[in-house]
Amino acid sequence: MCPLPQTAEAENRLKEDPRWQLIERILATGPFQKSGRLRELLPYMVERALHGHGHELTEHNIGIAVFGKPADYSPVEDSSVRVHARQLRLKLHEYFDGEGRGESIILEIPRGSYTPVFRSAVQAQAADPPALPASALASSATQRRRNLRTLLPWAVAALLAAACVWLSVRVADAPSPPAPPPWPLSAVFDGTNPTRIVIADVNYGMLRIISQQQGSLEEYLRPDMQQRMTPTHVSEREARIMSYIANSTLTSYADVIVATTLSDMAPVSRGLISVRSARDLRLRDLEDGNYVFVGSPSSNPWVLLYQNKLNFHEGEGVVGESMKYFVNEHPLPGEQKTYQGLEFTGSAGEDYATISLLPTASGRGSVLILQGLQQEGTEAAGLFLADADSRAQLKKALDIQGNPTKPTYFEVLLRTRAVGGAPNATSIVAARLIH
């Protein structure tokens, strides 16, 4: 997305520009190879600046062009551009202090601005002052001592004033701590406790379909679960496929999108976030910390631990042959008893998802559950939480004012329109506070 479309002539001029060649060397280094977002942000900012559009590099415009934000998004509520800009400044500083120490051009992004600035690394050398004649040295010594006694108090005062100015600039330029993520993400990304994002086990979902077994958490935790759900009378070719399914670890594209999106919104918890497959989690892991469970019981059976606290439950007829649906245990006026989703991932139509926030069983953390009937629903739930307007609708549906200062638990049922395997036009169907 970052380099904008341009003519072949303009592209050639850009590639021949020493400043752009510097950018290519920077992007080839390890720190930038590991960060896809910075690899998009840096060339976009530089290209706009080199083409004379540096004045257009505002936080809002960058959010739309690089981060895919909607045109009406609010940078006040969404700090992702500021967070990545701070990271970019740090990475550039590390580069020119390390691998790029010998560069003839230095790139800086001044604080408070998003317009890159290039300057020469060659510093002009001040000419040596002319030597005084030997006779002048002795005659001027007395005068210098007299001048020093006169100027010393003023010099001390000037130094103190300069120190105060320097300290005030340092405080003003000091990077501000990352802002906490908005509610309800702040409940699971609190910047203090570790947060595990537990993504779905697609292999388990496929085993359920092949064996046509409903499955359960108890079944999932059995050491011989894979063998128990694998048909015995199969051909050699089918056996190889079954072996691959049973012994590999796969997740869905939707789960990756959700995990990445939510992690990017929680810079305050950077270093405290880990991603685990549902298959690699154990009961003892749930004793401390916060959790995000991604996926429904058919692919992430850990959510069954909290099923008795929720109003909306996933339902299914014959596994692999029936369409899944959400059961509304206690319908309110105007609500349906069931909500049926897509026949399968990739088909067009309506899908449903739920978002639930609950305390962990130990009471020492919170758990956020995002479960869609199909992958489109799961992805829609993650994108819903990343959107400021959607979060505002959630608060309105739950009758919540401002940002809750105490634990506020809830569940909400979402409807999304799926087109070509992607969610679109997601809205709230029903919401419940959990007391």
Protein backbone atom coordinates (compact mmCIF):
# COMPACT_ATOMS: atom_id res chain seq x y z
CA MET A 1 0.00 0.00 0.00
CA CYS A 2 2.79 2.39 0.82
CA PRO A 3 4.59 3.46 -2.37
CA LEU A 4 1.84 5.20 -4.36
CA PRO A 5 1.22 4.36 -8.04
CA GLN A 6 3.47 6.39 -10.29
CA THR A 7 4.84 6.53 -13.83
CA ALA A 8 7.88 4.52 -14.86
CA GLU A 9 9.86 7.77 -15.28
CA ALA A 10 8.96 8.96 -11.79
CA GLU A 11 9.78 5.55 -10.35
CA ASN A 12 13.20 5.57 -12.04
CA ARG A 13 13.93 9.06 -10.71
CA LEU A 14 12.98 7.87 -7.24
CA LYS A 15 15.25 4.80 -7.43
CA GLU A 16 18.17 6.99 -8.53
CA ASP A 17 17.66 9.41 -5.64
CA PRO A 18 20.35 8.80 -2.94
CA ARG A 19 17.74 9.48 -0.28
CA TRP A 20 15.49 6.69 -1.57
CA GLN A 21 18.50 4.37 -1.86
CA LEU A 22 19.12 5.08 1.84
CA ILE A 23 15.53 4.02 2.59
CA GLU A 24 16.04 0.75 0.71
CA ARG A 25 19.16 0.01 2.78
CA ILE A 26 17.28 0.76 6.00
CA LEU A 27 14.35 -1.48 5.02
CA ALA A 28 16.74 -4.35 4.32
CA THR A 29 17.97 -4.44 7.93
CA GLY A 30 16.74 -6.95 10.48
CA PRO A 31 14.57 -4.66 12.66
CA PHE A 32 12.57 -3.51 9.64
CA GLN A 33 12.35 -6.99 8.14
CA LYS A 34 10.58 -8.10 11.32
CA SER A 35 8.01 -5.28 11.33
CA GLY A 36 5.64 -5.26 8.38
CA ARG A 37 3.89 -2.12 9.58
CA LEU A 38 7.12 -0.08 9.76
CA ARG A 39 8.09 -1.40 6.32
CA GLU A 40 4.87 0.16 5.02
CA LEU A 41 5.00 3.36 7.06
CA LEU A 42 8.57 4.51 6.31
CA PRO A 43 8.52 4.34 2.46
CA TYR A 44 5.06 5.93 2.36
CA MET A 45 6.17 8.92 4.41
CA VAL A 46 9.43 9.33 2.50
CA GLU A 47 7.86 9.02 -0.94
CA ARG A 48 5.23 11.62 -0.15
CA ALA A 49 7.92 13.97 1.16
CA LEU A 50 10.22 13.46 -1.85
CA HIS A 51 7.34 14.22 -4.21
CA GLY A 52 6.58 17.49 -2.44
CA HIS A 53 3.55 16.32 -0.48
CA GLY A 54 5.09 16.39 2.98
CA HIS A 55 2.40 18.84 4.16
CA GLU A 56 -0.18 16.07 3.64
CA LEU A 57 1.53 13.75 6.14
CA THR A 58 -0.89 14.15 9.02
CA GLU A 59 -1.79 11.48 11.56
CA HIS A 60 -5.29 11.22 10.08
CA ASN A 61 -4.09 10.85 6.47
CA ILE A 62 -1.47 8.24 7.42
CA GLY A 63 -4.07 6.26 9.35
CA ILE A 64 -6.26 6.07 6.25
CA ALA A 65 -3.52 5.42 3.66
CA VAL A 66 -1.25 3.02 5.58
CA PHE A 67 -3.36 1.56 8.38
CA GLY A 68 -6.59 1.17 6.40
CA LYS A 69 -8.63 3.32 8.79
CA PRO A 70 -12.05 4.66 7.67
CA ALA A 71 -12.14 8.26 6.47
CA ASP A 72 -14.00 9.42 9.59
CA TYR A 73 -11.84 7.67 12.19
CA SER A 74 -10.67 9.65 15.22
CA PRO A 75 -6.90 9.79 15.95
CA VAL A 76 -7.81 10.90 19.48
CA GLU A 77 -9.35 7.49 20.22
CA ASP A 78 -7.04 5.46 17.99
CA SER A 79 -3.34 5.99 18.76
CA SER A 80 -1.92 3.34 16.41
CA VAL A 81 -0.26 5.90 14.08
CA ARG A 82 1.43 7.72 16.97
CA VAL A 83 2.61 4.44 18.48
CA HIS A 84 4.19 3.24 15.24
CA ALA A 85 5.71 6.67 14.56
CA ARG A 86 7.48 6.49 17.95
CA GLN A 87 8.74 3.02 17.09
CA LEU A 88 9.96 4.28 13.72
CA ARG A 89 11.94 7.12 15.32
CA LEU A 90 13.59 4.64 17.70
CA LYS A 91 14.47 2.21 14.90
CA LEU A 92 15.98 5.00 12.79
CA HIS A 93 18.03 6.16 15.76
CA GLU A 94 19.28 2.58 16.29
CA TYR A 95 20.17 2.27 12.60
CA PHE A 96 22.28 5.43 12.43
CA ASP A 97 23.96 4.52 15.72
CA GLY A 98 24.78 1.04 14.40
CA GLU A 99 24.72 -0.32 10.86
CA GLY A 100 24.22 3.12 9.32
CA ARG A 101 26.98 4.87 11.23
CA GLY A 102 28.89 5.44 7.99
CA GLU A 103 25.97 6.84 5.97
CA SER A 104 26.55 10.21 4.30
CA ILE A 105 22.88 11.12 4.68
CA ILE A 106 20.89 10.98 7.91
CA LEU A 107 17.11 10.65 8.07
CA GLU A 108 15.11 12.09 10.94
CA ILE A 109 11.39 12.41 11.70
CA PRO A 110 11.10 15.35 14.10
CA ARG A 111 8.84 14.94 17.12
CA GLY A 112 5.42 16.40 16.56
CA SER A 113 5.73 15.93 12.80
CA TYR A 114 5.36 13.08 10.32
CA THR A 115 7.44 14.70 7.55
CA PRO A 116 10.89 13.06 7.10
CA VAL A 117 13.94 15.36 7.11
CA PHE A 118 17.22 14.49 5.39
CA ARG A 119 20.51 16.14 6.30
CA SER A 120 24.16 15.63 5.52
CA ALA A 121 26.21 13.71 8.05
CA VAL A 122 29.29 15.79 7.23
CA GLN A 123 29.71 18.51 9.83
CA ALA A 124 31.61 21.68 8.97
CA GLN A 125 34.86 21.95 10.88
CA ALA A 126 35.42 25.24 12.60
CA ALA A 127 38.69 26.92 11.58
CA ASP A 128 41.43 26.95 14.21
CA PRO A 129 41.72 30.34 15.91
CA PRO A 130 44.90 32.29 15.03
CA ALA A 131 47.73 32.06 17.55
CA LEU A 132 48.39 35.09 19.69
CA PRO A 133 51.91 36.59 19.73
CA ALA A 134 53.96 35.60 22.76
CA SER A 135 54.20 39.21 23.95
CA ALA A 136 50.45 39.55 23.98
CA LEU A 137 50.02 36.47 26.19
CA ALA A 138 51.74 37.98 29.22
CA SER A 139 50.16 41.40 28.87
CA SER A 140 46.68 40.02 28.62
CA ALA A 141 46.88 37.56 31.57
CA THR A 142 46.05 40.20 34.21
CA GLN A 143 43.15 41.53 32.16
CA ARG A 144 41.76 38.01 31.69
CA ARG A 145 41.78 37.37 35.45
CA ARG A 146 39.98 40.68 36.05
CA ASN A 147 37.41 39.84 33.40
CA LEU A 148 36.86 36.37 34.89
CA ARG A 149 36.11 37.80 38.34
CA THR A 150 33.60 40.19 36.78
CA LEU A 151 31.90 37.68 34.51
CA LEU A 152 31.88 34.63 36.78
CA PRO A 153 28.54 35.35 38.54
CA TRP A 154 26.89 36.09 35.21
CA ALA A 155 28.33 32.94 33.68
CA VAL A 156 26.98 30.81 36.54
CA ALA A 157 23.54 32.39 36.14
CA ALA A 158 23.64 31.77 32.38
CA LEU A 159 24.61 28.14 32.91
CA LEU A 160 21.74 27.63 35.36
CA ALA A 161 19.29 29.20 32.92
CA ALA A 162 20.58 27.02 30.09
CA ALA A 163 20.26 23.95 32.28
CA CYS A 164 16.63 24.83 33.06
CA VAL A 165 15.86 25.29 29.36
CA TRP A 166 17.61 22.00 28.50
CA LEU A 167 15.66 20.12 31.18
CA SER A 168 12.34 21.59 30.03
CA VAL A 169 13.08 20.58 26.43
CA ARG A 170 14.06 17.08 27.53
CA VAL A 171 10.81 16.72 29.47
CA ALA A 172 8.78 18.03 26.54
CA ASP A 173 10.56 15.71 24.07
CA ALA A 174 10.42 12.65 26.32
CA PRO A 175 8.29 9.97 24.68
CA SER A 176 4.94 9.73 26.38
CA PRO A 177 3.97 6.30 27.72
CA PRO A 178 1.68 4.28 25.45
CA ALA A 179 -1.98 5.07 25.99
CA PRO A 180 -4.12 2.23 27.34
CA PRO A 181 -6.38 0.58 24.76
CA PRO A 182 -10.05 1.55 24.75
CA TRP A 183 -12.67 -0.39 26.69
CA PRO A 184 -13.42 -3.30 26.57
CA LEU A 185 -9.90 -4.18 25.36
CA SER A 186 -8.47 -2.41 28.41
CA ALA A 187 -9.96 -5.20 30.56
CA VAL A 188 -7.68 -7.84 29.03
CA PHE A 189 -4.74 -5.62 27.94
CA ASP A 190 -4.08 -3.80 31.21
CA GLY A 191 -0.33 -3.26 30.79
CA THR A 192 0.41 -5.14 34.02
CA ASN A 193 -0.70 -8.75 33.67
CA PRO A 194 0.23 -11.13 30.84
CA THR A 195 -2.39 -11.71 28.15
CA ARG A 196 -2.63 -14.96 26.19
CA ILE A 197 -4.47 -14.89 22.88
CA VAL A 198 -5.70 -18.46 22.30
CA ILE A 199 -6.48 -19.06 18.63
CA ALA A 200 -8.64 -21.83 17.18
CA ASP A 201 -7.45 -25.35 16.39
CA VAL A 202 -8.61 -25.85 12.80
CA ASN A 203 -7.38 -29.45 12.84
CA TYR A 204 -9.77 -30.25 15.67
CA GLY A 205 -12.63 -28.77 13.65
CA MET A 206 -11.73 -30.95 10.66
CA LEU A 207 -11.48 -34.05 12.86
CA ARG A 208 -14.96 -33.34 14.19
CA ILE A 209 -16.35 -33.13 10.66
CA ILE A 210 -14.61 -36.31 9.49
CA SER A 211 -15.64 -38.31 12.56
CA GLN A 212 -19.02 -36.54 12.88
CA GLN A 213 -18.48 -36.31 16.63
CA GLN A 214 -19.74 -33.34 18.65
CA GLY A 215 -16.66 -33.31 20.87
CA SER A 216 -16.21 -31.64 24.24
CA LEU A 217 -13.47 -30.02 26.31
CA GLU A 218 -12.99 -33.25 28.26
CA GLU A 219 -12.62 -35.16 24.99
CA TYR A 220 -10.29 -32.50 23.61
CA LEU A 221 -7.96 -32.79 26.61
CA ARG A 222 -7.64 -36.58 26.39
CA PRO A 223 -4.13 -37.65 25.31
CA ASP A 224 -5.64 -40.02 22.72
CA MET A 225 -8.15 -37.49 21.36
CA GLN A 226 -6.72 -37.51 17.84
CA GLN A 227 -6.70 -41.30 17.64
CA ARG A 228 -10.25 -41.56 19.03
CA MET A 229 -11.57 -39.14 16.39
CA THR A 230 -9.68 -40.69 13.46
CA PRO A 231 -11.59 -43.31 11.41
CA THR A 232 -9.89 -46.71 11.38
CA HIS A 233 -10.98 -48.17 8.05
CA VAL A 234 -9.47 -45.79 5.53
CA SER A 235 -7.29 -46.15 2.45
CA GLU A 236 -3.53 -45.54 2.55
CA ARG A 237 -4.00 -42.14 0.90
CA GLU A 238 -6.74 -41.19 3.35
CA ALA A 239 -4.56 -42.37 6.23
CA ARG A 240 -1.77 -39.97 5.15
CA ILE A 241 -4.25 -37.11 5.05
CA MET A 242 -5.61 -38.04 8.45
CA SER A 243 -2.10 -38.25 9.86
CA TYR A 244 -1.35 -34.76 8.60
CA ILE A 245 -4.55 -33.37 10.11
CA ALA A 246 -3.93 -35.11 13.42
CA ASN A 247 -0.28 -34.11 13.80
CA SER A 248 -0.13 -30.56 12.42
CA THR A 249 -1.26 -27.31 13.97
CA LEU A 250 -3.32 -25.02 11.77
CA THR A 251 -5.43 -21.95 12.43
CA SER A 252 -7.59 -19.72 10.25
CA TYR A 253 -6.88 -16.47 8.45
CA ALA A 254 -9.64 -14.87 10.54
CA ASP A 255 -7.87 -15.80 13.77
CA VAL A 256 -4.62 -14.28 12.53
CA ILE A 257 -6.44 -11.05 11.63
CA VAL A 258 -8.10 -10.89 15.05
CA ALA A 259 -4.88 -11.60 16.99
CA THR A 260 -2.89 -9.04 14.98
CA THR A 261 -5.58 -6.36 15.14
CA LEU A 262 -6.08 -6.61 18.89
CA SER A 263 -2.33 -6.76 19.62
CA ASP A 264 -1.72 -3.61 17.56
CA MET A 265 -4.31 -1.78 19.67
CA ALA A 266 -2.55 -2.62 22.94
CA PRO A 267 0.95 -1.05 22.86
CA VAL A 268 0.76 -0.68 26.64
CA SER A 269 0.89 -4.50 26.90
CA ARG A 270 3.65 -5.02 24.35
CA GLY A 271 5.92 -7.74 25.70
CA LEU A 272 3.10 -9.14 27.84
CA ILE A 273 1.10 -10.60 24.93
CA SER A 274 1.59 -14.16 23.71
CA VAL A 275 -0.31 -16.19 21.12
CA ARG A 276 -1.09 -19.84 21.79
CA SER A 277 -2.90 -22.51 19.85
CA ALA A 278 -5.89 -24.02 21.66
CA ARG A 279 -4.08 -27.34 21.37
CA ASP A 280 -1.09 -26.09 23.39
CA LEU A 281 -3.09 -24.71 26.33
CA ARG A 282 -3.50 -26.56 29.63
CA LEU A 283 -5.91 -26.05 32.51
CA ARG A 284 -3.16 -24.92 34.87
CA ASP A 285 -2.38 -22.08 32.45
CA LEU A 286 -5.69 -20.45 33.35
CA GLU A 287 -4.80 -19.67 36.94
CA ASP A 288 -3.40 -16.17 36.34
CA GLY A 289 -3.43 -13.41 33.75
CA ASN A 290 -5.91 -12.34 31.08
CA TYR A 291 -7.12 -14.29 28.07
CA VAL A 292 -8.59 -13.77 24.64
CA PHE A 293 -10.25 -16.88 23.19
CA VAL A 294 -10.78 -16.72 19.44
CA GLY A 295 -13.22 -19.16 17.81
CA SER A 296 -16.33 -21.11 18.75
CA PRO A 297 -16.47 -24.47 20.61
CA SER A 298 -16.29 -26.36 17.31
CA SER A 299 -12.67 -25.23 16.86
CA ASN A 300 -11.74 -23.78 20.26
CA PRO A 301 -13.37 -25.93 22.95
CA TRP A 302 -11.85 -23.82 25.75
CA VAL A 303 -14.79 -21.42 25.45
CA LEU A 304 -16.98 -24.22 26.82
CA LEU A 305 -15.52 -23.42 30.26
CA TYR A 306 -17.63 -20.25 30.26
CA GLN A 307 -20.73 -21.54 28.44
CA ASN A 308 -22.89 -21.75 31.57
CA LYS A 309 -22.39 -18.02 32.18
CA LEU A 310 -23.57 -16.99 28.70
CA ASN A 311 -27.00 -16.55 27.13
CA PHE A 312 -25.93 -17.25 23.53
CA HIS A 313 -24.67 -20.78 22.81
CA GLU A 314 -23.44 -22.33 19.58
CA GLY A 315 -25.73 -25.11 18.31
CA GLU A 316 -25.24 -27.71 15.62
CA GLY A 317 -27.18 -30.69 14.26
CA VAL A 318 -25.27 -33.47 12.51
CA VAL A 319 -21.63 -32.40 12.57
CA GLY A 320 -20.41 -31.62 9.07
CA GLU A 321 -23.90 -31.82 7.53
CA SER A 322 -25.94 -29.20 9.38
CA MET A 323 -25.55 -25.43 9.51
CA LYS A 324 -24.46 -23.99 12.82
CA TYR A 325 -26.54 -21.47 14.75
CA PHE A 326 -26.65 -19.51 18.00
CA VAL A 327 -29.28 -20.44 20.56
CA ASN A 328 -30.81 -17.51 22.46
CA GLU A 329 -31.55 -19.09 25.85
CA HIS A 330 -33.72 -16.22 27.10
CA PRO A 331 -35.06 -14.17 24.17
CA LEU A 332 -36.14 -10.60 24.93
CA PRO A 333 -39.01 -8.95 23.03
CA GLY A 334 -38.11 -8.66 19.36
CA GLU A 335 -35.33 -11.28 19.54
CA GLN A 336 -35.29 -14.68 17.85
CA LYS A 337 -34.80 -18.02 19.55
CA THR A 338 -32.08 -19.04 17.08
CA TYR A 339 -29.77 -17.26 14.63
CA GLN A 340 -28.43 -19.39 11.78
CA GLY A 341 -25.17 -18.52 10.05
CA LEU A 342 -23.45 -19.34 6.78
CA GLU A 343 -23.50 -22.84 5.37
CA PHE A 344 -19.73 -22.79 5.13
CA THR A 345 -16.83 -20.33 5.11
CA GLY A 346 -16.54 -18.48 1.81
CA SER A 347 -20.25 -18.51 0.99
CA ALA A 348 -22.26 -15.30 0.74
CA GLY A 349 -24.94 -14.34 3.23
CA GLU A 350 -25.35 -13.50 6.90
CA ASP A 351 -23.14 -14.87 9.63
CA TYR A 352 -23.28 -14.31 13.37
CA ALA A 353 -20.74 -13.89 16.14
CA THR A 354 -20.66 -13.16 19.85
CA ILE A 355 -18.28 -11.06 21.92
CA SER A 356 -18.21 -11.82 25.64
CA LEU A 357 -16.21 -10.33 28.51
CA LEU A 358 -16.08 -12.35 31.74
CA PRO A 359 -13.90 -12.76 34.83
CA THR A 360 -11.56 -15.73 34.79
CA ALA A 361 -12.42 -18.68 37.02
CA SER A 362 -9.74 -17.59 39.52
CA GLY A 363 -11.11 -14.04 39.61
CA ARG A 364 -7.60 -12.67 39.08
CA GLY A 365 -8.09 -11.65 35.46
CA SER A 366 -10.52 -11.21 32.60
CA VAL A 367 -11.32 -13.28 29.53
CA LEU A 368 -12.56 -11.93 26.20
CA ILE A 369 -14.29 -14.47 23.92
CA LEU A 370 -14.84 -13.84 20.20
CA GLN A 371 -16.69 -16.67 18.50
CA GLY A 372 -18.23 -16.72 15.03
CA LEU A 373 -20.31 -19.47 13.51
CA GLN A 374 -17.93 -19.29 10.54
CA GLN A 375 -14.60 -17.54 10.05
CA GLU A 376 -16.32 -14.44 8.66
CA GLY A 377 -18.18 -14.00 11.95
CA THR A 378 -15.02 -14.38 14.02
CA GLU A 379 -13.17 -11.82 11.89
CA ALA A 380 -16.13 -9.44 12.12
CA ALA A 381 -15.99 -9.61 15.93
CA GLY A 382 -12.31 -8.63 16.00
CA LEU A 383 -12.77 -5.76 13.53
CA PHE A 384 -15.83 -4.59 15.48
CA LEU A 385 -13.70 -4.07 18.61
CA ALA A 386 -11.05 -2.22 16.59
CA ASP A 387 -13.55 0.36 15.33
CA ALA A 388 -14.28 3.39 17.52
CA ASP A 389 -17.83 3.87 16.22
CA SER A 390 -18.65 0.20 16.81
CA ARG A 391 -17.35 0.42 20.38
CA ALA A 392 -19.54 3.47 20.91
CA GLN A 393 -22.55 1.47 19.66
CA LEU A 394 -21.62 -1.31 22.09
CA LYS A 395 -21.61 1.10 25.03
CA LYS A 396 -24.95 2.50 23.93
CA ALA A 397 -26.48 -0.99 23.62
CA LEU A 398 -25.24 -1.82 27.14
CA ASP A 399 -26.19 1.62 28.53
CA ILE A 400 -22.60 2.31 29.61
CA GLN A 401 -21.46 5.92 30.05
CA GLY A 402 -17.80 6.81 29.50
CA ASN A 403 -15.07 4.28 30.24
CA PRO A 404 -15.94 1.84 33.04
CA THR A 405 -13.61 2.17 36.01
CA LYS A 406 -14.69 -1.13 37.54
CA PRO A 407 -15.14 -4.56 35.92
CA THR A 408 -18.12 -4.48 33.55
CA TYR A 409 -18.93 -7.82 31.95
CA PHE A 410 -21.22 -8.41 28.98
CA GLU A 411 -22.07 -10.46 25.92
CA VAL A 412 -23.27 -9.16 22.56
CA LEU A 413 -24.58 -10.93 19.45
CA LEU A 414 -23.42 -9.51 16.11
CA ARG A 415 -24.73 -9.95 12.57
CA THR A 416 -22.40 -9.45 9.60
CA ARG A 417 -22.90 -9.63 5.86
CA ALA A 418 -20.27 -11.90 4.30
CA VAL A 419 -19.13 -11.27 0.71
CA GLY A 420 -16.31 -13.26 -0.87
CA GLY A 421 -15.13 -14.66 2.45
CA ALA A 422 -14.89 -11.23 4.12
CA PRO A 423 -17.23 -9.64 6.68
CA ASN A 424 -19.05 -6.41 5.91
CA ALA A 425 -21.70 -4.19 7.51
CA THR A 426 -21.54 -5.63 11.03
CA SER A 427 -24.29 -4.61 13.48
CA ILE A 428 -25.49 -5.43 17.00
CA VAL A 429 -28.46 -7.81 17.26
CA ALA A 430 -28.70 -8.25 21.03
CA ALA A 431 -26.68 -7.29 24.11
CA ARG A 432 -26.62 -8.38 27.76
CA LEU A 433 -24.81 -7.16 30.84
CA ILE A 434 -23.44 -10.03 32.94
CA HIS A 435 -23.74 -9.44 36.69
